[in-house]
C-alpha atoms as a PDB file:
ATOM      1  CA  MET A   1      19.866 -58.590  50.909  1.00  0.00           C
ATOM      2  CA  ALA A   2      18.084 -55.488  52.414  1.00  0.00           C
ATOM      3  CA  ARG A   3      16.282 -53.114  49.993  1.00  0.00           C
ATOM      4  CA  ALA A   4      17.344 -49.209  50.091  1.00  0.00           C
ATOM      5  CA  LEU A   5      14.752 -46.827  51.321  1.00  0.00           C
ATOM      6  CA  HIS A   6      15.656 -43.680  49.525  1.00  0.00           C
ATOM      7  CA  SER A   7      14.379 -42.523  45.799  1.00  0.00           C
ATOM      8  CA  HIS A   8      17.553 -42.113  44.419  1.00  0.00           C
ATOM      9  CA  CYS A   9      18.504 -45.956  45.108  1.00  0.00           C
ATOM     10  CA  ARG A  10      15.068 -47.327  43.909  1.00  0.00           C
ATOM     11  CA  GLY A  11      15.521 -50.505  42.383  1.00  0.00           C
ATOM     12  CA  ARG A  12      18.816 -51.442  43.565  1.00  0.00           C
ATOM     13  CA  ARG A  13      19.404 -54.093  46.237  1.00  0.00           C
ATOM     14  CA  PHE A  14      22.117 -53.973  48.865  1.00  0.00           C
ATOM     15  CA  ASP A  15      23.426 -56.392  51.255  1.00  0.00           C
ATOM     16  CA  SER A  16      23.953 -55.649  54.802  1.00  0.00           C
ATOM     17  CA  ALA A  17      27.617 -54.410  54.677  1.00  0.00           C
ATOM     18  CA  GLN A  18      26.656 -51.975  51.885  1.00  0.00           C
ATOM     19  CA  VAL A  19      23.643 -50.875  53.886  1.00  0.00           C
ATOM     20  CA  HIS A  20      25.667 -50.434  57.133  1.00  0.00           C
ATOM     21  CA  GLN A  21      28.580 -48.577  54.646  1.00  0.00           C
ATOM     22  CA  LEU A  22      25.697 -46.309  53.355  1.00  0.00           C
ATOM     23  CA  GLY A  23      24.730 -45.541  57.058  1.00  0.00           C
ATOM     24  CA  TYR A  24      21.278 -47.169  57.259  1.00  0.00           C
ATOM     25  CA  ASN A  25      20.345 -49.471  59.954  1.00  0.00           C
ATOM     26  CA  LEU A  26      17.441 -51.379  58.953  1.00  0.00           C
ATOM     27  CA  PHE A  27      17.590 -53.814  61.364  1.00  0.00           C
ATOM     28  CA  MET A  28      17.189 -51.861  64.328  1.00  0.00           C
ATOM     29  CA  LYS A  29      14.102 -53.363  66.430  1.00  0.00           C
ATOM     30  CA  ASP A  30      11.314 -50.944  68.097  1.00  0.00           C
ATOM     31  CA  LYS A  31      11.948 -51.065  71.865  1.00  0.00           C
ATOM     32  CA  ILE A  32       9.169 -50.620  74.426  1.00  0.00           C
ATOM     33  CA  ILE A  33       9.871 -48.283  77.291  1.00  0.00           C
ATOM     34  CA  LYS A  34       8.284 -47.428  80.327  1.00  0.00           C
ATOM     35  CA  CYS A  35       7.635 -43.519  80.812  1.00  0.00           C
ATOM     36  CA  GLN A  36       9.446 -42.453  84.327  1.00  0.00           C
ATOM     37  CA  ASP A  37       6.611 -40.328  84.948  1.00  0.00           C
ATOM     38  CA  CYS A  38       3.180 -41.324  83.766  1.00  0.00           C
ATOM     39  CA  LYS A  39       4.277 -44.878  83.649  1.00  0.00           C
ATOM     40  CA  SER A  40       2.489 -45.632  80.138  1.00  0.00           C
ATOM     41  CA  GLU A  41       4.775 -47.880  77.666  1.00  0.00           C
ATOM     42  CA  PHE A  42       5.841 -45.944  74.608  1.00  0.00           C
ATOM     43  CA  ALA A  43       7.541 -47.112  71.321  1.00  0.00           C
ATOM     44  CA  PHE A  44      11.151 -46.335  70.483  1.00  0.00           C
ATOM     45  CA  THR A  45      11.571 -47.018  67.118  1.00  0.00           C
ATOM     46  CA  GLY A  46      14.556 -48.041  64.875  1.00  0.00           C
ATOM     47  CA  GLY A  47      14.504 -44.987  62.887  1.00  0.00           C
ATOM     48  CA  GLU A  48      14.459 -42.720  66.531  1.00  0.00           C
ATOM     49  CA  GLN A  49      17.113 -45.161  68.138  1.00  0.00           C
ATOM     50  CA  GLU A  50      19.356 -44.413  64.764  1.00  0.00           C
ATOM     51  CA  PHE A  51      19.020 -40.520  65.228  1.00  0.00           C
ATOM     52  CA  PHE A  52      19.763 -40.615  68.941  1.00  0.00           C
ATOM     53  CA  LYS A  53      22.578 -42.767  68.215  1.00  0.00           C
ATOM     54  CA  LYS A  54      23.993 -40.412  65.828  1.00  0.00           C
ATOM     55  CA  GLN A  55      23.454 -37.639  67.844  1.00  0.00           C
ATOM     56  CA  GLU A  56      25.107 -39.545  70.770  1.00  0.00           C
ATOM     57  CA  LEU A  57      21.880 -39.195  72.853  1.00  0.00           C
ATOM     58  CA  SER A  58      21.060 -41.521  75.753  1.00  0.00           C
ATOM     59  CA  ASP A  59      17.469 -43.496  74.904  1.00  0.00           C
ATOM     60  CA  PRO A  60      14.614 -41.347  76.119  1.00  0.00           C
ATOM     61  CA  VAL A  61      12.915 -42.056  79.676  1.00  0.00           C
ATOM     62  CA  ARG A  62       9.847 -39.968  79.223  1.00  0.00           C
ATOM     63  CA  CYS A  63       6.960 -40.555  76.488  1.00  0.00           C
ATOM     64  CA  MET A  64       6.575 -37.770  74.142  1.00  0.00           C
ATOM     65  CA  ILE A  65       3.674 -35.940  76.311  1.00  0.00           C
ATOM     66  CA  CYS A  66       5.788 -36.335  79.338  1.00  0.00           C
ATOM     67  CA  ARG A  67       8.706 -35.179  77.429  1.00  0.00           C
ATOM     68  CA  ALA A  68       6.756 -31.913  76.272  1.00  0.00           C
ATOM     69  CA  THR A  69       5.320 -31.133  79.521  1.00  0.00           C
ATOM     70  CA  HIS A  70       8.585 -31.466  81.122  1.00  0.00           C
ATOM     71  CA  LYS A  71      10.529 -28.868  78.693  1.00  0.00           C
ATOM     72  CA  ALA A  72       7.485 -26.586  79.076  1.00  0.00           C
ATOM     73  CA  ALA A  73       8.176 -26.652  82.893  1.00  0.00           C
ATOM     74  CA  GLU A  74      11.947 -26.237  82.306  1.00  0.00           C
ATOM     75  CA  LYS A  75      11.388 -22.896  80.128  1.00  0.00           C
ATOM     76  CA  ASP A  76       8.470 -21.582  82.483  1.00  0.00           C
ATOM     77  CA  GLN A  77      11.057 -21.867  85.413  1.00  0.00           C
ATOM     78  CA  PHE A  78      13.667 -20.013  83.094  1.00  0.00           C
ATOM     79  CA  ARG A  79      11.122 -17.388  82.343  1.00  0.00           C
ATOM     80  CA  GLY A  80      10.562 -16.866  86.200  1.00  0.00           C
ATOM     81  CA  LYS A  81      14.235 -16.399  87.011  1.00  0.00           C
ATOM     82  CA  VAL A  82      14.219 -13.671  84.228  1.00  0.00           C
ATOM     83  CA  LYS A  83      11.338 -11.880  85.550  1.00  0.00           C
ATOM     84  CA  GLU A  84      12.563 -11.776  88.950  1.00  0.00           C
ATOM     85  CA  LYS A  85      15.972 -10.273  87.731  1.00  0.00           C
ATOM     86  CA  GLY A  86      14.178  -7.602  85.463  1.00  0.00           C
ATOM     87  CA  LEU A  87      15.797  -8.829  82.172  1.00  0.00           C
ATOM     88  CA  GLU A  88      12.544  -8.953  80.194  1.00  0.00           C
END
């Protein structure tokens, strides 16, 4: 039996079918992924996996730092195009 994590369920016990019905997946194990940019390993936790699954996203390929760097670079490229067209 798995134990529920939310306060409104405190003290109650659920079997795996009930946990699945409630939308909780307590059984996902962390994955270790190698970043495609810096080659360091990072953990893709069970909670993150559940979020990505619900949002229909693919598994990440970059660590958090490289992801943030990549997003910032994309924003800067967009800003450059806006400046070129005089849209600011």
